[in-house]
């Protein structure tokens, strides 16, 4: 049985995922730099600022988790592409290690 893996598509997905990881890094950096809203002497300003800071941290945490997942997917696709390219060149023979 012959198995063909489109390593070109895998490599393209790695580049696309790498771009999205970079986009997320920029978004995380921008959100991290975002200060509290200017509320002045509003009676409940401290409550609003605390809520804002907590909400911002939750979003930052979720974006970081998403970024980590994309990095893992990107790296996994890169490893799969490398392995199958090695098999096609005849320099890697442990194909079973890379089957799903």
Protein backbone atom coordinates (compact mmCIF):
# COMPACT_ATOMS: atom_id res chain seq x y z
CA UNK A 1 0.00 0.00 0.00
CA UNK A 2 1.37 3.36 -0.99
CA UNK A 3 0.71 6.45 1.03
CA UNK A 4 0.97 9.88 -0.53
CA UNK A 5 1.14 12.93 1.68
CA UNK A 6 0.86 16.37 0.15
CA UNK A 7 3.85 17.92 1.89
CA UNK A 8 3.41 21.12 -0.14
CA UNK A 9 0.02 21.68 1.50
CA UNK A 10 1.46 20.78 4.89
CA UNK A 11 4.26 23.33 4.41
CA UNK A 12 1.70 25.96 3.36
CA UNK A 13 -0.33 25.25 6.49
CA UNK A 14 2.84 25.69 8.56
CA UNK A 15 3.42 29.13 6.97
CA UNK A 16 -0.23 30.12 7.49
CA UNK A 17 -0.18 28.98 11.12
CA UNK A 18 3.09 30.83 11.65
CA UNK A 19 1.43 34.02 10.36
CA UNK A 20 -1.54 33.54 12.72
CA UNK A 21 0.81 32.92 15.66
CA UNK A 22 2.53 36.22 14.85
CA UNK A 23 -0.84 37.99 14.58
CA UNK A 24 -1.83 36.66 17.98
CA UNK A 25 1.49 37.75 19.48
CA UNK A 26 0.84 41.28 18.24
CA UNK A 27 -2.72 41.23 19.58
CA UNK A 28 -1.55 39.95 22.97
CA UNK A 29 1.13 42.64 23.12
CA UNK A 30 -1.34 45.37 22.20
CA UNK A 31 -3.89 44.20 24.73
CA UNK A 32 -1.22 43.90 27.42
CA UNK A 33 -0.24 47.52 26.81
CA UNK A 34 -3.83 48.71 27.05
CA UNK A 35 -4.33 50.67 30.24
CA UNK A 36 -7.39 51.04 32.41
CA UNK A 37 -10.24 53.23 31.20
CA UNK A 38 -10.01 56.86 32.32
CA UNK A 39 -12.90 57.12 34.74
CA UNK A 40 -11.76 59.99 36.94
CA UNK A 41 -13.84 60.35 40.07
CA UNK A 42 -16.78 58.25 38.94
CA UNK A 43 -18.31 56.81 42.15
CA UNK A 44 -17.67 53.18 41.18
CA UNK A 45 -14.48 53.80 39.22
CA UNK A 46 -12.39 51.36 41.24
CA UNK A 47 -14.96 48.59 40.71
CA UNK A 48 -15.04 49.26 36.97
CA UNK A 49 -11.25 49.33 36.76
CA UNK A 50 -11.00 46.05 38.70
CA UNK A 51 -13.60 44.45 36.42
CA UNK A 52 -11.79 45.78 33.34
CA UNK A 53 -8.43 44.45 34.53
CA UNK A 54 -9.93 41.04 35.32
CA UNK A 55 -11.69 40.84 31.94
CA UNK A 56 -8.52 41.90 30.15
CA UNK A 57 -6.49 39.23 31.96
CA UNK A 58 -9.04 36.55 31.08
CA UNK A 59 -8.86 37.53 27.40
CA UNK A 60 -5.05 37.57 27.53
CA UNK A 61 -5.02 34.11 29.11
CA UNK A 62 -7.38 32.72 26.45
CA UNK A 63 -5.40 34.30 23.60
CA UNK A 64 -2.20 32.82 25.02
CA UNK A 65 -3.83 29.38 25.18
CA UNK A 66 -4.96 29.76 21.58
CA UNK A 67 -1.49 30.88 20.53
CA UNK A 68 0.06 27.85 22.27
CA UNK A 69 -2.36 25.52 20.49
CA UNK A 70 -1.53 27.07 17.12
CA UNK A 71 2.20 26.73 17.82
CA UNK A 72 1.72 23.05 18.66
CA UNK A 73 -0.32 22.50 15.49
CA UNK A 74 2.23 24.38 13.39
CA UNK A 75 5.13 22.41 14.85
CA UNK A 76 3.26 19.12 14.44
CA UNK A 77 2.53 19.82 10.78
CA UNK A 78 6.17 20.77 10.22
CA UNK A 79 7.33 17.51 11.82
CA UNK A 80 4.93 15.45 9.72
CA UNK A 81 6.05 17.19 6.53
CA UNK A 82 9.71 16.63 7.40
CA UNK A 83 9.13 12.97 8.15
CA UNK A 84 7.27 12.26 4.92
CA UNK A 85 9.79 14.24 2.88
CA UNK A 86 12.51 12.05 4.42
CA UNK A 87 10.52 8.92 3.54
CA UNK A 88 10.15 10.16 -0.06
CA UNK A 89 13.92 10.73 -0.21
CA UNK A 90 14.47 7.27 1.26
CA UNK A 91 16.33 8.57 4.30
CA UNK A 92 13.67 7.78 6.91
CA UNK A 93 12.03 4.40 7.19
CA UNK A 94 9.91 4.62 10.37
CA UNK A 95 6.68 5.54 8.58
CA UNK A 96 4.51 3.78 11.17
CA UNK A 97 5.58 6.32 13.78
CA UNK A 98 3.85 9.02 11.74
CA UNK A 99 0.56 7.33 10.92
CA UNK A 100 -2.61 8.60 12.46
